[in-house]
Amino acid sequence: MSDLDQVREYLGRNQVGVGPVEVGQALRAMGELVTDAKVRATLEALRQDSVGAGILDPLLEIEGVTDVLVNGPGQ
C-alpha cells in the first residue's frame, strides 16, 4: 500500500477532514517525519488524485496541450 493510500485510509478510518493538521497526524501515525513540505506535497497529491487528473495533471498544464491519449500502463 502506498503512503498516499495509507494517509487516505487513516483519514477515512478516523472520519476527519483533509487539512494540514489531519494530514500531519496521519503521517505521524505512519511513523513519517512530518515537515511542512511533506504535508504540502501530500495535500497536493490527495487533491490531484481526487479532483484533478492525477499523474496526468503535469501534462495538462503544458501550454498548448489540449488532449492526452492514454493507451495503457505499459505504453
N, C-alpha and C. Protein backbone atom coordinates (compact mmCIF):
# COMPACT_ATOMS: atom_id res chain seq x y z
N MET A 1 0.85 -1.17 0.00
CA MET A 1 0.00 0.00 0.00
C MET A 1 0.90 1.25 0.00
N SER A 2 0.59 2.20 -0.86
CA SER A 2 1.41 3.40 -0.97
C SER A 2 1.18 4.32 0.23
N ASP A 3 2.11 5.26 0.44
CA ASP A 3 1.96 6.23 1.52
C ASP A 3 0.67 7.02 1.37
N LEU A 4 0.34 7.39 0.14
CA LEU A 4 -0.88 8.17 -0.11
C LEU A 4 -2.12 7.34 0.26
N ASP A 5 -2.10 6.07 -0.07
CA ASP A 5 -3.21 5.19 0.30
C ASP A 5 -3.33 5.06 1.82
N GLN A 6 -2.19 5.00 2.50
CA GLN A 6 -2.21 4.90 3.96
C GLN A 6 -2.78 6.17 4.59
N VAL A 7 -2.41 7.33 4.05
CA VAL A 7 -2.95 8.59 4.56
C VAL A 7 -4.45 8.63 4.32
N ARG A 8 -4.87 8.26 3.13
CA ARG A 8 -6.30 8.25 2.79
C ARG A 8 -7.06 7.31 3.72
N GLU A 9 -6.50 6.13 3.98
CA GLU A 9 -7.14 5.17 4.87
C GLU A 9 -7.25 5.73 6.29
N TYR A 10 -6.19 6.36 6.78
CA TYR A 10 -6.20 6.96 8.11
C TYR A 10 -7.30 8.02 8.21
N LEU A 11 -7.37 8.90 7.23
CA LEU A 11 -8.35 9.98 7.25
C LEU A 11 -9.77 9.41 7.23
N GLY A 12 -10.00 8.39 6.42
CA GLY A 12 -11.32 7.77 6.36
C GLY A 12 -11.67 7.02 7.62
N ARG A 13 -10.72 6.27 8.14
CA ARG A 13 -10.96 5.47 9.35
C ARG A 13 -11.29 6.37 10.54
N ASN A 14 -10.62 7.52 10.62
CA ASN A 14 -10.84 8.44 11.73
C ASN A 14 -11.91 9.48 11.44
N GLN A 15 -12.48 9.43 10.26
CA GLN A 15 -13.56 10.33 9.85
C GLN A 15 -13.23 11.79 10.15
N VAL A 16 -12.07 12.21 9.63
CA VAL A 16 -11.65 13.59 9.81
C VAL A 16 -11.53 14.26 8.44
N GLY A 17 -11.46 15.58 8.44
CA GLY A 17 -11.32 16.33 7.21
C GLY A 17 -9.94 16.16 6.60
N VAL A 18 -9.77 16.77 5.45
CA VAL A 18 -8.49 16.70 4.76
C VAL A 18 -7.86 18.08 4.81
N GLY A 19 -7.14 18.33 5.87
CA GLY A 19 -6.44 19.59 6.05
C GLY A 19 -5.02 19.32 6.50
N PRO A 20 -4.22 20.36 6.63
CA PRO A 20 -2.82 20.17 7.02
C PRO A 20 -2.65 19.47 8.37
N VAL A 21 -3.47 19.81 9.33
CA VAL A 21 -3.35 19.20 10.67
C VAL A 21 -3.65 17.71 10.59
N GLU A 22 -4.73 17.36 9.91
CA GLU A 22 -5.14 15.96 9.81
C GLU A 22 -4.12 15.14 9.01
N VAL A 23 -3.60 15.71 7.94
CA VAL A 23 -2.58 15.00 7.15
C VAL A 23 -1.31 14.82 7.98
N GLY A 24 -0.94 15.84 8.75
CA GLY A 24 0.22 15.71 9.64
C GLY A 24 0.02 14.60 10.65
N GLN A 25 -1.17 14.50 11.22
CA GLN A 25 -1.47 13.44 12.18
C GLN A 25 -1.38 12.07 11.51
N ALA A 26 -1.89 11.97 10.29
CA ALA A 26 -1.82 10.70 9.56
C ALA A 26 -0.38 10.30 9.30
N LEU A 27 0.44 11.26 8.87
CA LEU A 27 1.84 10.96 8.60
C LEU A 27 2.57 10.54 9.88
N ARG A 28 2.28 11.23 10.99
CA ARG A 28 2.89 10.85 12.27
C ARG A 28 2.49 9.43 12.67
N ALA A 29 1.22 9.10 12.47
CA ALA A 29 0.73 7.76 12.81
C ALA A 29 1.43 6.69 11.99
N MET A 30 1.88 7.06 10.78
CA MET A 30 2.59 6.14 9.91
C MET A 30 4.07 6.05 10.27
N GLY A 31 4.51 6.90 11.20
CA GLY A 31 5.91 6.91 11.58
C GLY A 31 6.79 7.77 10.69
N GLU A 32 6.16 8.63 9.89
CA GLU A 32 6.90 9.51 8.98
C GLU A 32 7.41 10.74 9.72
N LEU A 33 8.51 11.29 9.26
CA LEU A 33 8.99 12.57 9.73
C LEU A 33 8.11 13.64 9.09
N VAL A 34 7.45 14.44 9.90
CA VAL A 34 6.48 15.41 9.39
C VAL A 34 7.14 16.77 9.25
N THR A 35 7.17 17.25 8.01
CA THR A 35 7.67 18.60 7.72
C THR A 35 6.59 19.35 6.96
N ASP A 36 6.72 20.67 6.93
CA ASP A 36 5.76 21.47 6.16
C ASP A 36 5.73 21.01 4.70
N ALA A 37 6.90 20.77 4.14
CA ALA A 37 6.99 20.36 2.73
C ALA A 37 6.30 19.02 2.51
N LYS A 38 6.48 18.08 3.42
CA LYS A 38 5.85 16.75 3.30
C LYS A 38 4.33 16.87 3.37
N VAL A 39 3.84 17.70 4.30
CA VAL A 39 2.39 17.88 4.44
C VAL A 39 1.82 18.53 3.18
N ARG A 40 2.50 19.59 2.68
CA ARG A 40 2.02 20.26 1.46
C ARG A 40 2.01 19.31 0.27
N ALA A 41 3.07 18.53 0.12
CA ALA A 41 3.15 17.59 -1.01
C ALA A 41 2.06 16.53 -0.91
N THR A 42 1.79 16.05 0.29
CA THR A 42 0.75 15.04 0.47
C THR A 42 -0.63 15.62 0.19
N LEU A 43 -0.88 16.85 0.67
CA LEU A 43 -2.15 17.51 0.38
C LEU A 43 -2.35 17.71 -1.12
N GLU A 44 -1.29 18.11 -1.81
CA GLU A 44 -1.38 18.31 -3.27
C GLU A 44 -1.63 16.98 -3.98
N ALA A 45 -0.97 15.93 -3.54
CA ALA A 45 -1.18 14.61 -4.15
C ALA A 45 -2.62 14.13 -3.93
N LEU A 46 -3.15 14.35 -2.73
CA LEU A 46 -4.54 13.99 -2.46
C LEU A 46 -5.49 14.80 -3.34
N ARG A 47 -5.20 16.09 -3.51
CA ARG A 47 -6.04 16.94 -4.34
C ARG A 47 -6.02 16.47 -5.79
N GLN A 48 -4.83 16.22 -6.31
CA GLN A 48 -4.71 15.76 -7.69
C GLN A 48 -5.41 14.43 -7.90
N ASP A 49 -5.31 13.57 -6.92
CA ASP A 49 -5.90 12.24 -7.03
C ASP A 49 -7.42 12.28 -6.97
N SER A 50 -7.97 13.24 -6.22
CA SER A 50 -9.43 13.25 -6.04
C SER A 50 -10.14 14.28 -6.92
N VAL A 51 -9.46 15.36 -7.30
CA VAL A 51 -10.12 16.42 -8.06
C VAL A 51 -9.57 16.53 -9.47
N GLY A 52 -8.28 16.40 -9.62
CA GLY A 52 -7.65 16.60 -10.91
C GLY A 52 -7.56 15.32 -11.72
N ALA A 53 -6.55 15.27 -12.56
CA ALA A 53 -6.34 14.12 -13.43
C ALA A 53 -5.21 13.23 -12.92
N GLY A 54 -4.88 13.35 -11.65
CA GLY A 54 -3.85 12.51 -11.06
C GLY A 54 -2.49 12.76 -11.69
N ILE A 55 -1.83 11.69 -12.08
CA ILE A 55 -0.48 11.81 -12.63
C ILE A 55 -0.45 12.48 -14.00
N LEU A 56 -1.61 12.67 -14.61
CA LEU A 56 -1.68 13.35 -15.91
C LEU A 56 -1.72 14.87 -15.78
N ASP A 57 -1.95 15.39 -14.57
CA ASP A 57 -2.04 16.84 -14.37
C ASP A 57 -0.87 17.62 -14.95
N PRO A 58 0.39 17.21 -14.72
CA PRO A 58 1.50 17.99 -15.29
C PRO A 58 1.45 18.09 -16.81
N LEU A 59 0.99 17.04 -17.47
CA LEU A 59 0.88 17.08 -18.93
C LEU A 59 -0.18 18.07 -19.37
N LEU A 60 -1.28 18.12 -18.63
CA LEU A 60 -2.38 19.00 -19.00
C LEU A 60 -2.06 20.47 -18.73
N GLU A 61 -1.04 20.73 -17.92
CA GLU A 61 -0.66 22.11 -17.60
C GLU A 61 0.32 22.69 -18.62
N ILE A 62 0.81 21.87 -19.54
CA ILE A 62 1.75 22.35 -20.56
C ILE A 62 0.98 23.22 -21.56
N GLU A 63 1.51 24.41 -21.78
CA GLU A 63 0.85 25.33 -22.70
C GLU A 63 0.72 24.71 -24.08
N GLY A 64 -0.47 24.77 -24.64
CA GLY A 64 -0.73 24.23 -25.97
C GLY A 64 -1.26 22.82 -25.98
N VAL A 65 -1.16 22.11 -24.86
CA VAL A 65 -1.67 20.73 -24.80
C VAL A 65 -3.18 20.79 -24.59
N THR A 66 -3.89 20.14 -25.49
CA THR A 66 -5.35 20.10 -25.37
C THR A 66 -5.88 18.70 -25.17
N ASP A 67 -5.08 17.68 -25.55
CA ASP A 67 -5.51 16.30 -25.41
C ASP A 67 -4.35 15.46 -24.90
N VAL A 68 -4.68 14.44 -24.12
CA VAL A 68 -3.70 13.45 -23.66
C VAL A 68 -4.30 12.09 -23.94
N LEU A 69 -3.61 11.28 -24.72
CA LEU A 69 -4.06 9.94 -25.05
C LEU A 69 -3.35 8.94 -24.16
N VAL A 70 -4.12 8.08 -23.52
CA VAL A 70 -3.56 7.05 -22.65
C VAL A 70 -3.89 5.70 -23.28
N ASN A 71 -2.85 4.97 -23.70
CA ASN A 71 -3.03 3.66 -24.31
C ASN A 71 -3.15 2.56 -23.29
N GLY A 72 -2.35 2.63 -22.25
CA GLY A 72 -2.34 1.61 -21.22
C GLY A 72 -1.11 1.79 -20.35
N PRO A 73 -1.03 1.04 -19.26
CA PRO A 73 0.08 1.25 -18.33
C PRO A 73 1.45 0.86 -18.89
N GLY A 74 1.52 0.00 -19.89
CA GLY A 74 2.79 -0.44 -20.42
C GLY A 74 3.27 0.31 -21.64
N GLN A 75 2.53 1.34 -22.08
CA GLN A 75 2.89 2.04 -23.30
C GLN A 75 3.12 3.51 -23.05
